[in-house]
Amino acid sequence: CVCVKSLSVCVCACVCVCAHARAQQLQEIAALFQSDWLSIYSLNPDVTTPDRVLYTNQLVNVGHLYTVVPGDTLARIAARFGSSVAGLLSSNADVAAPGDSIRAGDELCVIASSCQAGLA
């Protein structure tokens, strides 16, 4: 796990999972990860009502785990999922910069955007 964001909004995140420090709604968590509440809601079947305030330290999935394959780069992965290199770096604190190498078998958190995928 890697601690990310500020202590007031997200205490610690394992790949694609956030445990937040205070009660929040899905809309607030989605905004932290440049996502939308519906995407976060669909990743969390245990959240039965999207308007409900989540309790402190509740684990929330914020993206999909993607396993890097040979030939992948951050730019290729971002393009494939309608994201950006900055978005991948934001949701993968263990990858410090665009030049950092990723290797086949590494797991990345990908927050896909179906709305942006066809716009490139």
C-alpha atoms as a PDB file:
ATOM      1  CA  CYS A   1       0.000   0.000   0.000  1.00  0.00           C
ATOM      2  CA  VAL A   2       1.049   3.572  -0.635  1.00  0.00           C
ATOM      3  CA  CYS A   3      -0.275   6.606   1.219  1.00  0.00           C
ATOM      4  CA  VAL A   4      -1.720   9.112  -1.199  1.00  0.00           C
ATOM      5  CA  LYS A   5      -3.678  12.362  -1.283  1.00  0.00           C
ATOM      6  CA  SER A   6      -4.050  14.386   1.917  1.00  0.00           C
ATOM      7  CA  LEU A   7      -4.913  12.932   5.296  1.00  0.00           C
ATOM      8  CA  SER A   8      -8.290  14.627   5.199  1.00  0.00           C
ATOM      9  CA  VAL A   9      -9.472  12.692   2.176  1.00  0.00           C
ATOM     10  CA  CYS A  10      -7.587   9.436   1.687  1.00  0.00           C
ATOM     11  CA  VAL A  11      -5.437   7.726   4.270  1.00  0.00           C
ATOM     12  CA  CYS A  12      -3.852   4.910   2.337  1.00  0.00           C
ATOM     13  CA  ALA A  13      -4.368   3.253  -1.013  1.00  0.00           C
ATOM     14  CA  CYS A  14      -3.424  -0.191  -2.141  1.00  0.00           C
ATOM     15  CA  VAL A  15      -3.532  -0.608  -5.884  1.00  0.00           C
ATOM     16  CA  CYS A  16      -7.012   0.622  -6.841  1.00  0.00           C
ATOM     17  CA  VAL A  17      -8.378   0.687  -3.279  1.00  0.00           C
ATOM     18  CA  CYS A  18      -8.788   3.767  -1.096  1.00  0.00           C
ATOM     19  CA  ALA A  19      -9.479   3.921   2.632  1.00  0.00           C
ATOM     20  CA  HIS A  20     -10.572   7.462   3.400  1.00  0.00           C
ATOM     21  CA  ALA A  21     -10.046   9.327   6.656  1.00  0.00           C
ATOM     22  CA  ARG A  22     -13.529  10.775   7.030  1.00  0.00           C
ATOM     23  CA  ALA A  23     -17.071   9.988   5.990  1.00  0.00           C
ATOM     24  CA  GLN A  24     -17.497  10.829   2.305  1.00  0.00           C
ATOM     25  CA  GLN A  25     -19.864  10.268  -0.580  1.00  0.00           C
ATOM     26  CA  LEU A  26     -18.925   8.555  -3.842  1.00  0.00           C
ATOM     27  CA  GLN A  27     -18.974  11.906  -5.652  1.00  0.00           C
ATOM     28  CA  GLU A  28     -16.199  13.249  -3.409  1.00  0.00           C
ATOM     29  CA  ILE A  29     -14.042  10.151  -3.813  1.00  0.00           C
ATOM     30  CA  ALA A  30     -14.553  10.131  -7.582  1.00  0.00           C
ATOM     31  CA  ALA A  31     -13.431  13.763  -7.810  1.00  0.00           C
ATOM     32  CA  LEU A  32     -10.173  12.895  -6.020  1.00  0.00           C
ATOM     33  CA  PHE A  33      -9.351  10.343  -8.713  1.00  0.00           C
ATOM     34  CA  GLN A  34     -10.601  12.339 -11.717  1.00  0.00           C
ATOM     35  CA  SER A  35     -13.433   9.871 -12.164  1.00  0.00           C
ATOM     36  CA  ASP A  36     -17.203   9.978 -11.807  1.00  0.00           C
ATOM     37  CA  TRP A  37     -19.463   8.600  -9.100  1.00  0.00           C
ATOM     38  CA  LEU A  38     -21.106   6.076 -11.412  1.00  0.00           C
ATOM     39  CA  SER A  39     -17.770   4.447 -12.275  1.00  0.00           C
ATOM     40  CA  ILE A  40     -16.812   4.232  -8.601  1.00  0.00           C
ATOM     41  CA  TYR A  41     -20.282   2.900  -7.734  1.00  0.00           C
ATOM     42  CA  SER A  42     -20.030   0.160 -10.386  1.00  0.00           C
ATOM     43  CA  LEU A  43     -16.696  -0.986  -8.922  1.00  0.00           C
ATOM     44  CA  ASN A  44     -18.183  -1.390  -5.440  1.00  0.00           C
ATOM     45  CA  PRO A  45     -21.081  -3.874  -5.351  1.00  0.00           C
ATOM     46  CA  ASP A  46     -21.154  -3.709  -1.536  1.00  0.00           C
ATOM     47  CA  VAL A  47     -22.241  -0.055  -1.762  1.00  0.00           C
ATOM     48  CA  THR A  48     -25.970  -0.533  -2.195  1.00  0.00           C
ATOM     49  CA  THR A  49     -27.033   3.107  -2.270  1.00  0.00           C
ATOM     50  CA  PRO A  50     -24.863   5.612  -4.143  1.00  0.00           C
ATOM     51  CA  ASP A  51     -26.161   8.580  -2.120  1.00  0.00           C
ATOM     52  CA  ARG A  52     -25.196   7.021   1.193  1.00  0.00           C
ATOM     53  CA  VAL A  53     -22.276   8.548   3.069  1.00  0.00           C
ATOM     54  CA  LEU A  54     -19.508   5.970   3.339  1.00  0.00           C
ATOM     55  CA  TYR A  55     -18.072   5.340   6.766  1.00  0.00           C
ATOM     56  CA  THR A  56     -14.553   6.319   7.805  1.00  0.00           C
ATOM     57  CA  ASN A  57     -11.885   3.802   6.683  1.00  0.00           C
ATOM     58  CA  GLN A  58     -14.293   1.919   4.421  1.00  0.00           C
ATOM     59  CA  LEU A  59     -12.339   0.411   1.528  1.00  0.00           C
ATOM     60  CA  VAL A  60     -13.463   1.712  -1.845  1.00  0.00           C
ATOM     61  CA  ASN A  61     -12.324   0.397  -5.213  1.00  0.00           C
ATOM     62  CA  VAL A  62     -11.383   3.329  -7.446  1.00  0.00           C
ATOM     63  CA  GLY A  63     -10.185   1.622 -10.627  1.00  0.00           C
ATOM     64  CA  HIS A  64      -9.352  -1.589 -12.447  1.00  0.00           C
ATOM     65  CA  LEU A  65      -6.172  -3.591 -11.977  1.00  0.00           C
ATOM     66  CA  TYR A  66      -4.272  -3.921 -15.246  1.00  0.00           C
ATOM     67  CA  THR A  67      -1.332  -6.294 -15.638  1.00  0.00           C
ATOM     68  CA  VAL A  68       1.388  -4.840 -17.841  1.00  0.00           C
ATOM     69  CA  VAL A  69       2.295  -6.961 -20.882  1.00  0.00           C
ATOM     70  CA  PRO A  70       5.552  -6.875 -22.900  1.00  0.00           C
ATOM     71  CA  GLY A  71       5.741  -3.751 -25.055  1.00  0.00           C
ATOM     72  CA  ASP A  72       3.390  -1.692 -22.882  1.00  0.00           C
ATOM     73  CA  THR A  73       4.272   1.901 -22.061  1.00  0.00           C
ATOM     74  CA  LEU A  74       2.385   4.336 -19.868  1.00  0.00           C
ATOM     75  CA  ALA A  75       1.325   6.257 -22.984  1.00  0.00           C
ATOM     76  CA  ARG A  76      -0.008   3.116 -24.715  1.00  0.00           C
ATOM     77  CA  ILE A  77      -1.904   1.970 -21.636  1.00  0.00           C
ATOM     78  CA  ALA A  78      -3.363   5.459 -21.142  1.00  0.00           C
ATOM     79  CA  ALA A  79      -4.480   5.638 -24.782  1.00  0.00           C
ATOM     80  CA  ARG A  80      -6.019   2.156 -24.621  1.00  0.00           C
ATOM     81  CA  PHE A  81      -8.194   3.080 -21.653  1.00  0.00           C
ATOM     82  CA  GLY A  82      -9.028   6.698 -22.517  1.00  0.00           C
ATOM     83  CA  SER A  83      -6.848   8.012 -19.744  1.00  0.00           C
ATOM     84  CA  SER A  84      -3.635  10.026 -19.692  1.00  0.00           C
ATOM     85  CA  VAL A  85      -0.099   9.411 -18.484  1.00  0.00           C
ATOM     86  CA  ALA A  86      -0.753  12.003 -15.760  1.00  0.00           C
ATOM     87  CA  GLY A  87      -3.890  10.090 -14.753  1.00  0.00           C
ATOM     88  CA  LEU A  88      -1.972   6.816 -14.524  1.00  0.00           C
ATOM     89  CA  LEU A  89       0.753   8.460 -12.459  1.00  0.00           C
ATOM     90  CA  SER A  90      -1.857   9.989 -10.167  1.00  0.00           C
ATOM     91  CA  SER A  91      -3.460   6.623  -9.420  1.00  0.00           C
ATOM     92  CA  ASN A  92      -0.154   4.716  -9.188  1.00  0.00           C
ATOM     93  CA  ALA A  93       1.999   6.469  -6.595  1.00  0.00           C
ATOM     94  CA  ASP A  94       4.690   3.793  -6.894  1.00  0.00           C
ATOM     95  CA  VAL A  95       5.410   4.911 -10.480  1.00  0.00           C
ATOM     96  CA  ALA A  96       7.114   8.228  -9.824  1.00  0.00           C
ATOM     97  CA  ALA A  97       7.525   9.734 -13.305  1.00  0.00           C
ATOM     98  CA  PRO A  98       6.695   9.082 -16.968  1.00  0.00           C
ATOM     99  CA  GLY A  99      10.265   7.904 -17.566  1.00  0.00           C
ATOM    100  CA  ASP A 100      10.062   5.213 -14.887  1.00  0.00           C
ATOM    101  CA  SER A 101      10.096   1.810 -16.436  1.00  0.00           C
ATOM    102  CA  ILE A 102       7.185  -0.511 -16.065  1.00  0.00           C
ATOM    103  CA  ARG A 103       7.733  -4.190 -16.615  1.00  0.00           C
ATOM    104  CA  ALA A 104       5.594  -7.045 -17.828  1.00  0.00           C
ATOM    105  CA  GLY A 105       3.732  -8.429 -14.841  1.00  0.00           C
ATOM    106  CA  ASP A 106       3.534  -5.105 -12.975  1.00  0.00           C
ATOM    107  CA  GLU A 107       0.034  -4.192 -11.832  1.00  0.00           C
ATOM    108  CA  LEU A 108      -1.306  -0.711 -12.440  1.00  0.00           C
ATOM    109  CA  CYS A 109      -4.506   0.931 -11.335  1.00  0.00           C
ATOM    110  CA  VAL A 110      -6.334   2.131 -14.436  1.00  0.00           C
ATOM    111  CA  ILE A 111      -9.233   4.530 -14.126  1.00  0.00           C
ATOM    112  CA  ALA A 112     -10.769   4.158 -17.562  1.00  0.00           C
ATOM    113  CA  SER A 113     -12.789   6.865 -19.262  1.00  0.00           C
ATOM    114  CA  SER A 114     -15.105   5.549 -21.947  1.00  0.00           C
ATOM    115  CA  CYS A 115     -16.108   9.124 -22.784  1.00  0.00           C
ATOM    116  CA  GLN A 116     -12.568  10.110 -23.777  1.00  0.00           C
ATOM    117  CA  ALA A 117     -11.454   6.902 -25.507  1.00  0.00           C
ATOM    118  CA  GLY A 118     -12.737   7.880 -28.946  1.00  0.00           C
ATOM    119  CA  LEU A 119     -11.653  11.522 -28.806  1.00  0.00           C
ATOM    120  CA  ALA A 120      -7.926  11.102 -29.474  1.00  0.00           C
END
